[in-house]
Amino acid sequence: MTETGAAVLSARRADDDDLALLLLIRHFELALLDLFGRGELNGTTHTCLGQEYVPVALRRLLTGADHVFGNHRGHGHYLARFDDPAGLLAEIMGREGAVCGGVGGSQHILRDRYVSTGVQGESLPVAAGVALHLKRTEPGALACVFIGDGTWGEGAVYEALNLVSLWRLPLLVIVENNGIAQSTPTTRQMAGTVRARAEAFGVRHHGVETSDLATIRDELAPLVAAVRAGEGPLVVEFATHRIGPHSKGDDTRDPETVRRARDNDWYRLYGEADPERFERADQAQRARVDAIVREVSARPPSRWRP
């Protein structure tokens, strides 16, 4: 099935909750870039524009008992786990009601069994340790860690894969391969493939080429169930597209590369597949995010309370 055909199928099979979440994340990320452009945010941020469907597809395969590890491009990971755009925006803006009191910012979030970090490769060995704990104390639960293709240049990735394979730990590694590591194309910085590197450690690998939520879930459900059943770790590699800049405005890609990414953007494809339903949902989430931005922006600065 072509990506366009898959998107048509997605638009028909994605329920209202899935579509609303996809669009919430899209407009949340666009709002952040707008706030930075107006000088209303400090620090930095890395949006997941184009990759929103990855955590949305996975959310129904994960349970509250699972531990989820996001990365620097993790707003979508958080919003797929918690329906809390106001808390996340307050964290990024340093306003009252912030998830972590305003000290974590965009990249470093801790809530319940969710944690994100901006340090590349850091979460994988930590997730391996959590997976060991879950195997011993909470059979059936797993640790899920999101990484990008660039993170495969970190040695900690291989140390973690070695142990989780040896000990058959319940670790689910989600690779969001958008073809570029900050400003370096993956083809210029990675020899071989993610599949070959995972299989070198005896870790199963599954590739995902579509943004069709139902197809993704159908493919992954038995594989994730096997991880829960003690059959060892799994690497799932999404061939995805980053349509926004690496951070706020530092996109070094040539116009043709960006055009190809936009041509494959789920947002455009879904909109073409079911225009009226999509437009209603899109306007609703755009209005929701606009209201959240106004409300959070009016809050006083957050105060750290240990």
Protein backbone atom coordinates (compact mmCIF):
# COMPACT_ATOMS: atom_id res chain seq x y z
CA MET A 1 0.00 0.00 0.00
CA THR A 2 1.30 3.46 -0.83
CA GLU A 3 1.68 6.08 1.91
CA THR A 4 -1.16 8.07 0.33
CA GLY A 5 -3.40 5.01 0.31
CA ALA A 6 -2.51 4.26 3.92
CA ALA A 7 -3.39 7.79 4.92
CA VAL A 8 -6.80 7.51 3.26
CA LEU A 9 -7.37 4.35 5.25
CA SER A 10 -6.17 6.09 8.42
CA ALA A 11 -8.55 8.99 8.03
CA ARG A 12 -11.45 6.53 7.81
CA ARG A 13 -10.33 4.23 10.60
CA ALA A 14 -8.85 6.74 13.08
CA ASP A 15 -11.46 7.49 15.68
CA ASP A 16 -12.25 10.97 16.90
CA ASP A 17 -9.98 10.66 19.94
CA ASP A 18 -6.97 9.70 17.82
CA LEU A 19 -7.56 12.49 15.32
CA ALA A 20 -8.06 15.04 18.10
CA LEU A 21 -4.79 14.00 19.76
CA LEU A 22 -2.85 14.15 16.50
CA LEU A 23 -4.11 17.66 15.89
CA LEU A 24 -3.62 18.77 19.48
CA ILE A 25 0.06 17.87 19.27
CA ARG A 26 0.42 19.56 15.87
CA HIS A 27 -1.08 22.86 17.03
CA PHE A 28 0.75 22.73 20.36
CA GLU A 29 4.07 22.49 18.53
CA LEU A 30 3.15 25.27 16.10
CA ALA A 31 2.16 27.45 19.04
CA LEU A 32 5.57 26.93 20.65
CA LEU A 33 7.36 28.06 17.50
CA ASP A 34 5.10 31.10 17.35
CA LEU A 35 5.78 31.96 21.00
CA PHE A 36 9.53 31.68 20.43
CA GLY A 37 9.24 33.85 17.35
CA ARG A 38 7.51 36.53 19.42
CA GLY A 39 10.20 36.38 22.09
CA GLU A 40 7.84 35.01 24.76
CA LEU A 41 9.84 31.84 25.51
CA ASN A 42 13.40 31.35 26.67
CA GLY A 43 15.82 28.51 26.13
CA THR A 44 15.17 26.12 23.28
CA THR A 45 12.65 23.57 22.07
CA HIS A 46 12.55 20.72 19.58
CA THR A 47 9.18 20.06 17.98
CA CYS A 48 7.93 16.73 16.66
CA LEU A 49 6.16 18.23 13.64
CA GLY A 50 5.58 15.41 11.17
CA GLN A 51 6.18 12.67 13.76
CA GLU A 52 3.05 13.13 15.89
CA TYR A 53 1.48 9.86 14.74
CA VAL A 54 4.24 7.74 16.32
CA PRO A 55 3.32 8.24 20.01
CA VAL A 56 -0.38 8.43 19.13
CA ALA A 57 -0.22 5.00 17.49
CA LEU A 58 1.63 3.55 20.47
CA ARG A 59 -0.53 4.97 23.24
CA ARG A 60 -3.12 2.17 23.02
CA LEU A 61 -0.41 -0.47 23.13
CA LEU A 62 0.96 0.86 26.43
CA THR A 63 -0.56 0.67 29.91
CA GLY A 64 -0.36 2.78 33.04
CA ALA A 65 2.04 0.22 34.52
CA ASP A 66 4.58 0.78 31.75
CA HIS A 67 7.44 3.24 32.06
CA VAL A 68 7.87 5.65 29.13
CA PHE A 69 11.11 7.48 28.35
CA GLY A 70 10.88 10.47 26.02
CA ASN A 71 13.72 12.39 24.43
CA HIS A 72 14.55 15.96 23.44
CA ARG A 73 11.79 15.89 20.81
CA GLY A 74 9.30 14.63 23.35
CA HIS A 75 6.27 16.91 23.59
CA GLY A 76 4.21 14.42 21.60
CA HIS A 77 5.38 11.58 23.83
CA TYR A 78 4.13 13.46 26.88
CA LEU A 79 0.83 14.56 25.37
CA ALA A 80 0.07 11.03 24.17
CA ARG A 81 0.62 9.84 27.75
CA PHE A 82 -1.20 12.66 29.57
CA ASP A 83 -4.00 14.93 28.39
CA ASP A 84 -2.22 17.92 29.88
CA PRO A 85 -1.20 20.51 27.28
CA ALA A 86 -1.68 23.33 29.81
CA GLY A 87 0.69 21.74 32.31
CA LEU A 88 3.32 21.14 29.66
CA LEU A 89 3.06 24.66 28.27
CA ALA A 90 3.28 26.07 31.79
CA GLU A 91 6.45 24.02 32.29
CA ILE A 92 7.99 25.40 29.11
CA MET A 93 6.91 28.97 29.93
CA GLY A 94 7.79 28.76 33.64
CA ARG A 95 4.26 29.51 34.79
CA GLU A 96 2.14 28.29 37.70
CA GLY A 97 0.73 24.82 37.18
CA ALA A 98 3.93 23.60 35.50
CA VAL A 99 4.48 19.83 35.48
CA CYS A 100 7.87 20.11 37.19
CA GLY A 101 7.57 23.53 38.76
CA GLY A 102 9.14 25.17 35.73
CA VAL A 103 12.62 23.72 36.35
CA GLY A 104 12.51 21.05 33.62
CA GLY A 105 11.54 23.18 30.67
CA SER A 106 10.94 21.64 27.27
CA GLN A 107 13.17 18.58 27.49
CA HIS A 108 13.39 17.36 31.09
CA ILE A 109 9.99 16.19 32.31
CA LEU A 110 9.20 13.80 35.15
CA ARG A 111 5.67 12.68 35.93
CA ASP A 112 4.57 9.35 37.37
CA ARG A 113 6.14 6.70 35.13
CA TYR A 114 7.15 9.12 32.40
CA VAL A 115 10.51 10.86 32.09
CA SER A 116 12.22 12.69 29.24
CA THR A 117 15.76 13.90 28.78
CA GLY A 118 17.69 15.99 26.28
CA VAL A 119 20.86 13.91 26.70
CA GLN A 120 21.20 11.62 23.70
CA GLY A 121 21.45 7.95 24.64
CA GLU A 122 21.01 8.58 28.36
CA SER A 123 17.57 7.03 28.65
CA LEU A 124 18.36 3.65 27.12
CA PRO A 125 20.57 2.26 29.93
CA VAL A 126 18.20 3.76 32.50
CA ALA A 127 15.26 2.10 30.74
CA ALA A 128 17.19 -1.17 30.76
CA GLY A 129 17.50 -0.93 34.53
CA VAL A 130 13.80 -0.17 34.85
CA ALA A 131 13.01 -3.13 32.60
CA LEU A 132 15.07 -5.38 34.89
CA HIS A 133 13.11 -4.11 37.88
CA LEU A 134 9.80 -4.69 36.10
CA LYS A 135 10.79 -8.23 35.13
CA ARG A 136 11.49 -9.03 38.76
CA THR A 137 8.61 -7.21 40.43
CA GLU A 138 5.86 -6.46 37.87
CA PRO A 139 5.72 -9.17 35.21
CA GLY A 140 3.79 -8.03 32.17
CA ALA A 141 4.86 -4.38 32.39
CA LEU A 142 7.52 -2.98 30.08
CA ALA A 143 9.80 0.01 29.61
CA CYS A 144 9.33 1.96 26.38
CA VAL A 145 12.08 4.33 25.24
CA PHE A 146 11.97 6.77 22.31
CA ILE A 147 15.21 7.55 20.49
CA GLY A 148 16.17 9.02 17.12
CA ASP A 149 18.42 7.73 14.39
CA GLY A 150 21.24 10.03 15.55
CA THR A 151 21.27 8.43 18.98
CA TRP A 152 22.71 5.26 17.45
CA GLY A 153 26.05 7.06 17.51
CA GLU A 154 26.11 6.80 21.32
CA GLY A 155 27.97 3.89 22.93
CA ALA A 156 25.43 3.64 25.74
CA VAL A 157 22.89 2.35 23.20
CA TYR A 158 24.97 -0.76 22.56
CA GLU A 159 25.80 -1.39 26.19
CA ALA A 160 22.08 -1.34 26.93
CA LEU A 161 21.17 -3.58 23.99
CA ASN A 162 23.78 -6.09 25.09
CA LEU A 163 22.31 -6.42 28.58
CA VAL A 164 18.63 -6.38 27.63
CA SER A 165 19.27 -9.11 25.10
CA LEU A 166 21.32 -11.26 27.48
CA TRP A 167 18.73 -10.93 30.24
CA ARG A 168 15.66 -10.96 27.93
CA LEU A 169 14.31 -7.80 29.49
CA PRO A 170 10.93 -6.25 28.63
CA LEU A 171 12.27 -3.23 26.76
CA LEU A 172 10.55 -1.64 23.77
CA VAL A 173 12.83 0.70 21.80
CA ILE A 174 11.04 3.10 19.48
CA VAL A 175 13.33 4.61 16.85
CA GLU A 176 11.95 7.71 15.14
CA ASN A 177 14.18 7.69 12.07
CA ASN A 178 13.57 11.02 10.32
CA GLY A 179 16.69 10.74 8.21
CA ILE A 180 18.65 13.57 9.80
CA ALA A 181 20.60 13.96 13.05
CA GLN A 182 20.33 17.68 13.85
CA SER A 183 21.97 18.92 10.65
CA THR A 184 23.67 15.74 9.40
CA PRO A 185 21.81 13.35 7.06
CA THR A 186 21.69 9.85 8.50
CA THR A 187 23.32 8.46 5.37
CA ARG A 188 26.42 10.53 6.15
CA GLN A 189 26.78 9.52 9.80
CA MET A 190 25.52 5.93 10.12
CA ALA A 191 27.20 2.91 8.54
CA GLY A 192 24.86 -0.02 8.03
CA THR A 193 21.28 0.01 9.30
CA VAL A 194 19.37 0.16 12.55
CA ARG A 195 18.02 -3.33 11.81
CA ALA A 196 21.50 -4.82 11.42
CA ARG A 197 22.75 -3.13 14.57
CA ALA A 198 19.82 -4.44 16.63
CA GLU A 199 20.08 -7.94 15.20
CA ALA A 200 23.81 -8.01 15.96
CA PHE A 201 22.77 -8.22 19.62
CA GLY A 202 20.03 -10.77 18.96
CA VAL A 203 17.32 -8.12 19.39
CA ARG A 204 14.24 -8.38 17.20
CA HIS A 205 13.57 -5.49 14.81
CA HIS A 206 10.39 -4.36 13.09
CA GLY A 207 10.18 -1.56 10.54
CA VAL A 208 7.15 0.71 10.13
CA GLU A 209 6.72 2.54 6.82
CA THR A 210 3.21 3.98 7.22
CA SER A 211 1.38 6.60 9.25
CA ASP A 212 -1.82 4.54 9.29
CA LEU A 213 -2.63 4.20 13.00
CA ALA A 214 -4.72 1.05 12.64
CA THR A 215 -2.11 -0.71 10.51
CA ILE A 216 0.66 0.23 12.92
CA ARG A 217 -1.29 -1.12 15.89
CA ASP A 218 -2.22 -4.32 14.07
CA GLU A 219 1.44 -4.93 13.23
CA LEU A 220 2.82 -4.08 16.64
CA ALA A 221 0.20 -5.56 18.99
CA PRO A 222 1.49 -9.17 18.87
CA LEU A 223 5.11 -8.01 18.97
CA VAL A 224 4.55 -5.84 22.04
CA ALA A 225 2.60 -8.67 23.67
CA ALA A 226 5.65 -10.90 23.15
CA VAL A 227 7.84 -8.35 24.96
CA ARG A 228 5.39 -8.42 27.87
CA ALA A 229 5.41 -12.23 27.86
CA GLY A 230 9.15 -12.36 28.48
CA GLU A 231 10.33 -13.10 24.95
CA GLY A 232 12.93 -10.36 25.04
CA PRO A 233 13.37 -6.78 23.82
CA LEU A 234 12.12 -5.29 20.55
CA VAL A 235 13.34 -2.41 18.38
CA VAL A 236 10.63 -0.75 16.29
CA GLU A 237 11.96 1.64 13.65
CA PHE A 238 9.59 4.22 12.20
CA ALA A 239 10.62 5.70 8.84
CA THR A 240 9.21 9.13 9.55
CA HIS A 241 9.64 12.75 8.49
CA ARG A 242 10.61 15.88 10.36
CA ILE A 243 8.87 18.78 8.66
CA GLY A 244 10.02 21.45 11.12
CA PRO A 245 13.51 22.70 12.02
CA HIS A 246 15.85 20.82 14.34
CA SER A 247 15.16 23.37 17.06
CA LYS A 248 13.52 26.76 16.51
CA GLY A 249 14.81 27.97 13.15
CA ASP A 250 17.93 25.99 12.33
CA ASP A 251 16.83 23.90 9.35
CA THR A 252 19.85 23.24 7.15
CA ARG A 253 18.10 20.91 4.69
CA ASP A 254 17.71 21.88 1.03
CA PRO A 255 14.23 22.91 -0.18
CA GLU A 256 13.68 19.66 -2.11
CA THR A 257 14.29 17.54 0.99
CA VAL A 258 11.85 19.64 3.00
CA ARG A 259 9.29 19.41 0.17
CA ARG A 260 9.50 15.61 0.16
CA ALA A 261 8.98 15.56 3.91
CA ARG A 262 5.91 17.79 3.60
CA ASP A 263 4.54 15.65 0.78
CA ASN A 264 4.52 12.72 3.20
CA ASP A 265 3.16 14.69 6.16
CA TRP A 266 0.25 12.83 7.76
CA TYR A 267 -1.48 16.20 8.31
CA ARG A 268 -1.77 16.92 4.60
CA LEU A 269 -2.65 13.35 3.67
CA TYR A 270 -5.32 12.99 6.34
CA GLY A 271 -6.80 16.35 5.40
CA GLU A 272 -7.11 15.32 1.76
CA ALA A 273 -8.62 11.96 2.66
CA ASP A 274 -11.56 13.23 4.72
CA PRO A 275 -11.69 17.03 4.34
CA GLU A 276 -14.88 17.89 6.23
CA ARG A 277 -14.23 15.73 9.29
CA PHE A 278 -10.60 16.76 9.37
CA GLU A 279 -11.41 20.47 9.13
CA ARG A 280 -13.86 20.28 12.04
CA ALA A 281 -11.35 18.49 14.23
CA ASP A 282 -8.53 20.77 13.13
CA GLN A 283 -10.42 23.94 13.99
CA ALA A 284 -11.45 22.53 17.36
CA GLN A 285 -7.88 21.72 18.38
CA ARG A 286 -6.53 24.97 16.99
CA ALA A 287 -9.05 26.85 19.14
CA ARG A 288 -8.23 24.69 22.16
CA VAL A 289 -4.52 25.41 21.90
CA ASP A 290 -5.11 29.13 21.32
CA ALA A 291 -7.20 29.27 24.50
CA ILE A 292 -4.55 27.37 26.47
CA VAL A 293 -1.82 29.74 25.28
CA ARG A 294 -3.83 32.77 26.38
CA GLU A 295 -4.69 31.27 29.76
CA VAL A 296 -1.21 29.97 30.61
CA SER A 297 0.48 33.18 29.40
CA ALA A 298 -1.60 35.13 31.92
CA ARG A 299 -0.49 33.00 34.87
CA PRO A 300 2.17 34.24 37.32
CA PRO A 301 5.65 32.70 37.25
CA SER A 302 5.95 29.25 38.77
CA ARG A 303 7.63 28.71 42.13
CA TRP A 304 9.66 25.65 42.96
CA ARG A 305 8.14 23.69 45.82
CA PRO A 306 10.27 20.70 46.87
